[in-house]
Amino acid sequence: MNLLRTLLFTPGNNERMIQKVINLPTDAIIFDLEDSVPMADKETARQLVCDSLQTAAQNDTCILVRVNAPDTGLFDDDLDSVVQPGLSGIVLPKAECAKDIKVLSAKLDQLEKDRNLEPSSVCIVPILETAKGVIHAYDVASACPRIAAVAFGGVDFSRDMGITLTKEGDELAYPRAQIAVCAKAAGVLAIDTPCIDVRNIEQLNVEANTAKQLGFTGKLLIHPAQIGPVNEVFSPTEAQAEYAQKIIAAFEQAQTQGLGAISLEGKMIDVANYRQAKDLLASYEAICRRRESLS
């Protein structure tokens, strides 16, 4: 799972919205059983999500389900309902330590075995949204091989800290940087917190570009209108891909001559630039394949 630019939350108890998001160009759909679903609708949401999994997984869309936290009394029933064919992964809210991940992973091991699913086919995306979760970001991100990405939940983090979110977002600078660095160190993707001002595309672009500069690879979304702008921010341009190809070709030619660094269009290119170019080109090609699958 290498392409997670946009991850759109959808209430699991809203059948109309579930049917709508299936055809949207988001990289991932997160069917929500947690915050957006009232207690009275939890069982209905489980059934609707279970019934929609295989249909939603068309066009290689990544299908995730945010379950309720382990201490809610709803966790086991959520997992039992949704670990079915078509499910790509579980989004775990309020993740705070490696133990949380290991408990979930063990449950997934058993459910995959019982249901004849491929072992370790269901990934885990923990959301870090408390002070404890941010401090333990690396432990969470490296807790088990199932981790595909870690996400930041800025709204709940601000509540936990007793602070107010501002348009500038300075109060989130430290947790964002901490999560991005820890994700990279653990070898997993980092997904930024949602922009809660759904009508403010300018603010969305500012947040997405800030997150990209810190090392995030995508963003949680709460409205379909946010998909296009965020996909664009986290996608290399055609010009960037062409330049990456030049770097790769020039550096590989230089290696045949025993050179470790070269000059290309007035810029020094070494092995770090070469590896970065390879990563960018791989991302660009994955995005092109994604577009083709949606056409």
Protein backbone atom coordinates (compact mmCIF):
# COMPACT_ATOMS: atom_id res chain seq x y z
CA MET A 1 0.00 0.00 0.00
CA ASN A 2 2.10 2.89 -1.31
CA LEU A 3 -0.50 5.43 -2.49
CA LEU A 4 -2.41 7.17 0.29
CA ARG A 5 -2.73 10.82 -0.65
CA THR A 6 -6.41 11.17 0.19
CA LEU A 7 -8.33 9.21 2.84
CA LEU A 8 -12.00 10.20 3.01
CA PHE A 9 -14.09 9.54 6.12
CA THR A 10 -17.67 8.35 5.49
CA PRO A 11 -20.23 7.65 8.23
CA GLY A 12 -20.90 3.93 8.31
CA ASN A 13 -24.59 4.43 9.12
CA ASN A 14 -25.35 6.53 6.03
CA GLU A 15 -26.16 4.22 3.11
CA ARG A 16 -26.59 7.09 0.64
CA MET A 17 -23.12 8.48 1.39
CA ILE A 18 -21.57 5.02 1.27
CA GLN A 19 -22.92 4.49 -2.23
CA LYS A 20 -21.75 7.96 -3.31
CA VAL A 21 -18.13 7.69 -2.16
CA ILE A 22 -17.54 4.37 -3.91
CA ASN A 23 -17.10 6.21 -7.22
CA LEU A 24 -15.02 9.14 -5.97
CA PRO A 25 -11.29 9.49 -6.88
CA THR A 26 -10.04 9.23 -3.32
CA ASP A 27 -7.15 6.82 -2.74
CA ALA A 28 -8.83 5.42 0.36
CA ILE A 29 -12.29 5.37 1.88
CA ILE A 30 -12.54 5.20 5.66
CA PHE A 31 -15.92 3.80 6.67
CA ASP A 32 -16.44 5.18 10.15
CA LEU A 33 -17.94 3.22 13.02
CA GLU A 34 -16.65 5.63 15.66
CA ASP A 35 -17.31 9.35 16.16
CA SER A 36 -19.76 9.97 13.30
CA VAL A 37 -22.07 7.10 14.31
CA PRO A 38 -24.50 7.55 17.25
CA MET A 39 -24.56 4.70 19.78
CA ALA A 40 -28.04 3.66 18.66
CA ASP A 41 -26.79 3.16 15.09
CA LYS A 42 -23.62 1.15 15.78
CA GLU A 43 -25.05 -2.23 14.75
CA THR A 44 -26.74 -0.78 11.67
CA ALA A 45 -23.43 0.82 10.66
CA ARG A 46 -21.57 -2.46 11.05
CA GLN A 47 -24.03 -4.24 8.79
CA LEU A 48 -24.03 -1.52 6.13
CA VAL A 49 -20.24 -1.41 6.04
CA CYS A 50 -19.94 -5.20 5.91
CA ASP A 51 -22.40 -5.34 3.02
CA SER A 52 -20.50 -2.62 1.12
CA LEU A 53 -16.91 -3.82 1.45
CA GLN A 54 -16.45 -5.79 -1.75
CA THR A 55 -18.37 -3.31 -3.93
CA ALA A 56 -16.42 -0.38 -2.49
CA ALA A 57 -13.09 -2.07 -3.22
CA GLN A 58 -13.53 -1.66 -6.99
CA ASN A 59 -10.96 0.38 -8.96
CA ASP A 60 -8.27 -0.65 -6.48
CA THR A 61 -9.63 1.77 -3.89
CA CYS A 62 -8.17 1.11 -0.44
CA ILE A 63 -11.05 0.33 1.94
CA LEU A 64 -10.41 1.07 5.60
CA VAL A 65 -12.74 0.95 8.59
CA ARG A 66 -12.31 3.09 11.69
CA VAL A 67 -13.44 0.96 14.60
CA ASN A 68 -14.26 2.09 18.09
CA ALA A 69 -11.39 2.15 20.59
CA PRO A 70 -10.58 -1.04 22.54
CA ASP A 71 -11.87 0.39 25.85
CA THR A 72 -15.36 1.19 24.53
CA GLY A 73 -16.85 -2.28 24.66
CA LEU A 74 -17.55 -2.04 20.92
CA PHE A 75 -14.13 -2.98 19.58
CA ASP A 76 -14.50 -6.76 19.29
CA ASP A 77 -17.94 -6.60 17.65
CA ASP A 78 -16.64 -4.02 15.17
CA LEU A 79 -13.77 -6.27 14.14
CA ASP A 80 -15.95 -9.36 13.95
CA SER A 81 -18.32 -7.55 11.57
CA VAL A 82 -15.86 -5.95 9.16
CA VAL A 83 -12.89 -8.29 8.81
CA GLN A 84 -14.23 -9.71 5.56
CA PRO A 85 -13.12 -9.93 1.91
CA GLY A 86 -12.72 -6.42 0.49
CA LEU A 87 -11.30 -4.90 3.67
CA SER A 88 -7.85 -3.35 3.25
CA GLY A 89 -7.25 -2.25 6.79
CA ILE A 90 -8.37 -1.08 10.21
CA VAL A 91 -8.04 2.50 11.39
CA LEU A 92 -7.42 2.47 15.15
CA PRO A 93 -8.40 5.66 16.99
CA LYS A 94 -6.68 6.99 20.12
CA ALA A 95 -3.60 4.79 19.60
CA GLU A 96 -1.15 5.51 22.40
CA CYS A 97 1.37 2.67 22.68
CA ALA A 98 2.74 -0.40 20.95
CA LYS A 99 0.53 -2.66 23.10
CA ASP A 100 -2.60 -1.19 21.47
CA ILE A 101 -1.30 -2.24 18.07
CA LYS A 102 -0.19 -5.69 19.16
CA VAL A 103 -3.59 -6.44 20.70
CA LEU A 104 -5.31 -5.47 17.44
CA SER A 105 -2.81 -7.41 15.33
CA ALA A 106 -3.36 -10.58 17.36
CA LYS A 107 -7.11 -10.30 16.88
CA LEU A 108 -6.62 -9.81 13.14
CA ASP A 109 -4.36 -12.88 13.02
CA GLN A 110 -7.18 -15.01 14.42
CA LEU A 111 -9.95 -13.49 12.28
CA GLU A 112 -7.92 -13.91 9.08
CA LYS A 113 -7.29 -17.55 9.97
CA ASP A 114 -10.94 -18.23 10.84
CA ARG A 115 -12.19 -16.62 7.61
CA ASN A 116 -9.58 -18.04 5.23
CA LEU A 117 -8.18 -14.61 4.45
CA GLU A 118 -4.56 -14.17 3.42
CA PRO A 119 -2.37 -13.84 6.54
CA SER A 120 -1.49 -10.23 7.37
CA SER A 121 -3.65 -8.98 4.49
CA VAL A 122 -5.43 -6.48 6.75
CA CYS A 123 -3.21 -3.50 7.50
CA ILE A 124 -3.41 -1.13 10.47
CA VAL A 125 -3.51 2.68 10.37
CA PRO A 126 -3.31 4.06 13.92
CA ILE A 127 -4.48 7.63 14.59
CA LEU A 128 -2.30 9.53 17.04
CA GLU A 129 -4.61 12.05 18.70
CA THR A 130 -3.49 12.40 22.30
CA ALA A 131 -0.36 13.73 23.99
CA LYS A 132 0.62 10.19 24.96
CA GLY A 133 0.11 8.99 21.39
CA VAL A 134 2.31 11.73 19.96
CA ILE A 135 5.09 11.07 22.47
CA HIS A 136 4.98 7.35 21.62
CA ALA A 137 4.67 7.89 17.87
CA TYR A 138 7.71 5.79 16.92
CA ASP A 139 6.70 2.91 19.21
CA VAL A 140 3.26 2.86 17.61
CA ALA A 141 4.56 3.22 14.04
CA SER A 142 7.05 0.37 14.47
CA ALA A 143 4.88 -1.91 16.61
CA CYS A 144 4.21 -4.54 13.93
CA PRO A 145 4.58 -5.21 10.19
CA ARG A 146 0.87 -4.57 9.62
CA ILE A 147 1.33 -0.81 10.07
CA ALA A 148 0.91 0.89 6.67
CA ALA A 149 0.71 4.46 7.92
CA VAL A 150 0.17 6.56 11.02
CA ALA A 151 -2.29 9.44 10.99
CA PHE A 152 -2.55 12.59 13.06
CA GLY A 153 -5.83 13.63 14.68
CA GLY A 154 -5.39 17.31 15.42
CA VAL A 155 -8.87 18.03 16.77
CA ASP A 156 -8.77 15.40 19.51
CA PHE A 157 -5.14 16.28 20.21
CA SER A 158 -6.15 19.88 20.86
CA ARG A 159 -8.89 18.72 23.21
CA ASP A 160 -6.46 16.49 25.07
CA MET A 161 -4.04 19.39 25.43
CA GLY A 162 -6.75 21.90 26.37
CA ILE A 163 -5.79 24.25 23.54
CA THR A 164 -7.72 25.96 20.76
CA LEU A 165 -7.08 25.24 17.10
CA THR A 166 -6.17 28.33 15.09
CA LYS A 167 -6.16 29.02 11.37
CA GLU A 168 -2.37 29.36 11.45
CA GLY A 169 -1.96 25.98 13.17
CA ASP A 170 1.19 26.90 15.10
CA GLU A 171 -0.05 24.84 18.05
CA LEU A 172 0.18 21.69 15.87
CA ALA A 173 3.73 22.29 14.62
CA TYR A 174 5.41 20.01 17.15
CA PRO A 175 3.06 16.99 16.93
CA ARG A 176 3.04 17.18 13.13
CA ALA A 177 6.84 17.19 12.95
CA GLN A 178 7.14 14.45 15.58
CA ILE A 179 4.71 12.15 13.77
CA ALA A 180 6.28 12.73 10.34
CA VAL A 181 9.80 12.01 11.59
CA CYS A 182 8.73 8.93 13.57
CA ALA A 183 6.78 7.54 10.61
CA LYS A 184 9.78 7.95 8.33
CA ALA A 185 12.07 6.31 10.89
CA ALA A 186 9.66 3.37 11.11
CA GLY A 187 9.37 3.10 7.32
CA VAL A 188 5.63 3.84 7.13
CA LEU A 189 3.55 6.65 5.63
CA ALA A 190 2.45 9.74 7.56
CA ILE A 191 -1.09 11.07 7.07
CA ASP A 192 -2.01 14.60 8.18
CA THR A 193 -5.02 15.70 10.23
CA PRO A 194 -8.23 16.77 8.44
CA CYS A 195 -8.95 20.39 7.56
CA ILE A 196 -12.21 21.01 9.42
CA ASP A 197 -13.12 24.17 7.46
CA VAL A 198 -14.56 22.19 4.55
CA ARG A 199 -15.51 25.23 2.46
CA ASN A 200 -12.11 26.90 2.73
CA ILE A 201 -10.06 25.37 -0.08
CA GLU A 202 -7.33 27.99 0.39
CA GLN A 203 -6.87 26.87 3.99
CA LEU A 204 -6.90 23.25 2.87
CA ASN A 205 -4.10 23.95 0.39
CA VAL A 206 -2.03 25.73 3.04
CA GLU A 207 -2.40 22.81 5.45
CA ALA A 208 -1.63 20.20 2.79
CA ASN A 209 1.48 22.02 1.55
CA THR A 210 2.72 22.52 5.12
CA ALA A 211 2.23 18.83 5.82
CA LYS A 212 4.00 17.86 2.59
CA GLN A 213 7.01 19.99 3.54
CA LEU A 214 7.20 18.15 6.87
CA GLY A 215 7.21 14.74 5.17
CA PHE A 216 3.55 13.74 5.23
CA THR A 217 2.39 11.79 2.20
CA GLY A 218 -1.35 12.40 2.44
CA LYS A 219 -4.21 13.87 4.41
CA LEU A 220 -7.39 12.71 6.12
CA LEU A 221 -10.49 14.25 4.52
CA ILE A 222 -14.01 14.89 5.76
CA HIS A 223 -15.67 16.14 2.55
CA PRO A 224 -15.51 15.00 -1.10
CA ALA A 225 -14.67 18.56 -2.24
CA GLN A 226 -11.29 18.15 -0.53
CA ILE A 227 -10.20 15.19 -2.69
CA GLY A 228 -9.04 17.04 -5.83
CA PRO A 229 -6.98 19.76 -4.12
CA VAL A 230 -5.21 17.32 -1.79
CA ASN A 231 -4.52 14.80 -4.54
CA GLU A 232 -2.89 17.62 -6.51
CA VAL A 233 -0.69 18.77 -3.63
CA PHE A 234 0.62 15.27 -2.95
CA SER A 235 1.17 14.33 -6.62
CA PRO A 236 4.42 14.99 -8.52
CA THR A 237 3.93 17.04 -11.67
CA GLU A 238 4.76 15.73 -15.13
CA ALA A 239 7.71 18.14 -15.26
CA GLN A 240 9.03 16.81 -11.95
CA ALA A 241 8.72 13.25 -13.23
CA GLU A 242 10.59 14.11 -16.44
CA TYR A 243 13.41 15.73 -14.46
CA ALA A 244 13.56 12.69 -12.16
CA GLN A 245 14.02 10.51 -15.25
CA LYS A 246 16.92 12.72 -16.35
CA ILE A 247 18.56 12.39 -12.94
CA ILE A 248 18.17 8.61 -12.96
CA ALA A 249 19.54 8.21 -16.48
CA ALA A 250 22.47 10.58 -15.92
CA PHE A 251 23.45 9.09 -12.59
CA GLU A 252 23.25 5.50 -13.79
CA GLN A 253 25.42 6.43 -16.77
CA ALA A 254 27.91 8.07 -14.41
CA GLN A 255 28.05 4.94 -12.28
CA THR A 256 29.18 2.91 -15.28
CA GLN A 257 32.12 5.33 -15.47
CA GLY A 258 32.98 4.95 -11.80
CA LEU A 259 31.65 8.39 -10.81
CA GLY A 260 29.83 8.99 -7.53
CA ALA A 261 28.54 12.49 -8.26
CA ILE A 262 27.80 14.48 -11.40
CA SER A 263 26.57 17.88 -12.49
CA LEU A 264 23.19 18.05 -14.24
CA GLU A 265 21.87 21.36 -15.54
CA GLY A 266 24.14 23.20 -13.14
CA LYS A 267 23.18 21.18 -10.06
CA MET A 268 25.26 18.62 -8.18
CA ILE A 269 23.66 15.16 -8.25
CA ASP A 270 24.74 12.38 -5.89
CA VAL A 271 23.31 9.07 -4.69
CA ALA A 272 20.83 10.81 -2.35
CA ASN A 273 19.38 12.80 -5.26
CA TYR A 274 19.27 9.61 -7.32
CA ARG A 275 17.30 7.74 -4.67
CA GLN A 276 14.93 10.66 -4.22
CA ALA A 277 14.35 10.76 -7.98
CA LYS A 278 13.61 7.02 -8.00
CA ASP A 279 11.05 7.48 -5.20
CA LEU A 280 9.39 10.40 -6.96
CA LEU A 281 9.15 8.53 -10.24
CA ALA A 282 7.69 5.45 -8.53
CA SER A 283 5.06 7.66 -6.91
CA TYR A 284 4.25 9.35 -10.21
CA GLU A 285 3.85 6.01 -11.98
CA ALA A 286 1.59 4.68 -9.18
CA ILE A 287 -0.59 7.79 -9.50
CA CYS A 288 -0.83 7.30 -13.27
CA ARG A 289 -1.95 3.70 -12.75
CA ARG A 290 -4.53 4.91 -10.24
CA ARG A 291 -5.92 7.43 -12.72
CA GLU A 292 -6.17 4.73 -15.37
CA SER A 293 -8.08 2.45 -13.00
CA LEU A 294 -10.64 5.22 -12.42
CA SER A 295 -11.13 6.07 -16.09
